[in-house]
Amino acid sequence: MIVKCQRSLSTTEDYRQMLFYNCTREWQGKFDLTPEWDRLFGPTETFDSNKFYAEVRWRDRTQPPLFVRKVEEQSW
């Protein structure tokens, strides 16, 4: 599955957040930012460094998806 991955710039939650959703938004979720996903985003230098598209495996919507690989920018 291809999803858009976004890291929060700010939040009112106790921990920084990450958001995932597919093209139709049928699959979407917000989770605490994990160290693994934080490394995938890299340094926060610009607004665009806080988002990318990725192929993931996501069977359990109560858990963050499992990263497979980054993919090119999508038009959605």
Protein backbone atom coordinates (compact mmCIF):
# COMPACT_ATOMS: atom_id res chain seq x y z
CA MET A 1 0.00 0.00 0.00
CA ILE A 2 1.21 3.53 -0.79
CA VAL A 3 0.62 6.12 1.94
CA LYS A 4 1.49 9.72 2.63
CA CYS A 5 3.56 10.00 5.82
CA GLN A 6 3.56 13.25 7.78
CA ARG A 7 5.38 14.23 10.96
CA SER A 8 3.81 16.87 13.21
CA LEU A 9 5.50 20.24 13.44
CA SER A 10 3.71 20.88 16.73
CA THR A 11 1.10 19.11 18.82
CA THR A 12 -0.92 19.35 22.01
CA GLU A 13 -0.30 15.63 22.63
CA ASP A 14 2.38 14.44 25.06
CA TYR A 15 4.58 13.22 22.18
CA ARG A 16 5.19 14.34 18.60
CA GLN A 17 2.74 12.73 16.23
CA MET A 18 2.87 11.07 12.82
CA LEU A 19 -0.02 10.76 10.39
CA PHE A 20 -0.50 8.20 7.62
CA TYR A 21 -3.19 7.91 4.98
CA ASN A 22 -3.72 6.29 1.61
CA CYS A 23 -5.08 7.99 -1.52
CA THR A 24 -8.74 7.36 -0.67
CA ARG A 25 -8.18 7.95 3.07
CA GLU A 26 -9.84 4.60 3.66
CA TRP A 27 -6.74 3.77 5.72
CA GLN A 28 -5.54 6.55 7.99
CA GLY A 29 -4.08 6.81 11.43
CA LYS A 30 -2.32 9.11 13.87
CA PHE A 31 0.32 7.71 16.23
CA ASP A 32 3.10 8.81 18.56
CA LEU A 33 6.26 9.39 16.51
CA THR A 34 8.58 6.41 16.95
CA PRO A 35 12.38 6.70 16.77
CA GLU A 36 12.38 4.46 13.66
CA TRP A 37 9.95 6.70 11.78
CA ASP A 38 11.68 9.85 13.02
CA ARG A 39 14.93 8.60 11.41
CA LEU A 40 13.07 7.97 8.13
CA PHE A 41 11.88 11.58 8.06
CA GLY A 42 15.37 12.89 8.79
CA PRO A 43 16.18 16.38 10.07
CA THR A 44 13.44 18.99 10.24
CA GLU A 45 14.86 21.62 7.91
CA THR A 46 11.81 22.61 5.85
CA PHE A 47 8.09 21.97 5.80
CA ASP A 48 8.65 19.39 3.03
CA SER A 49 11.14 17.43 5.16
CA ASN A 50 8.21 16.45 7.37
CA LYS A 51 6.36 14.46 4.71
CA PHE A 52 7.04 11.76 2.15
CA TYR A 53 5.28 8.90 0.39
CA ALA A 54 6.08 5.29 1.14
CA GLU A 55 5.12 1.75 0.40
CA VAL A 56 4.07 0.12 3.66
CA ARG A 57 2.46 -3.00 5.07
CA TRP A 58 -0.45 -2.03 7.27
CA ARG A 59 -2.60 -4.86 8.55
CA ASP A 60 -3.48 -3.49 11.99
CA ARG A 61 -4.89 0.04 11.96
CA THR A 62 -4.26 0.38 15.69
CA GLN A 63 -0.48 0.22 15.05
CA PRO A 64 1.77 2.30 12.78
CA PRO A 65 2.41 0.72 9.37
CA LEU A 66 5.59 -1.20 8.65
CA PHE A 67 7.92 0.70 6.32
CA VAL A 68 8.94 -1.02 3.07
CA ARG A 69 10.48 1.77 0.96
CA LYS A 70 10.09 5.41 0.01
CA VAL A 71 8.36 6.09 -3.31
CA GLU A 72 8.16 9.11 -5.60
CA GLU A 73 5.90 12.08 -4.88
CA GLN A 74 2.25 11.26 -5.60
CA SER A 75 -0.31 13.61 -7.17
CA TRP A 76 -2.79 13.28 -4.33
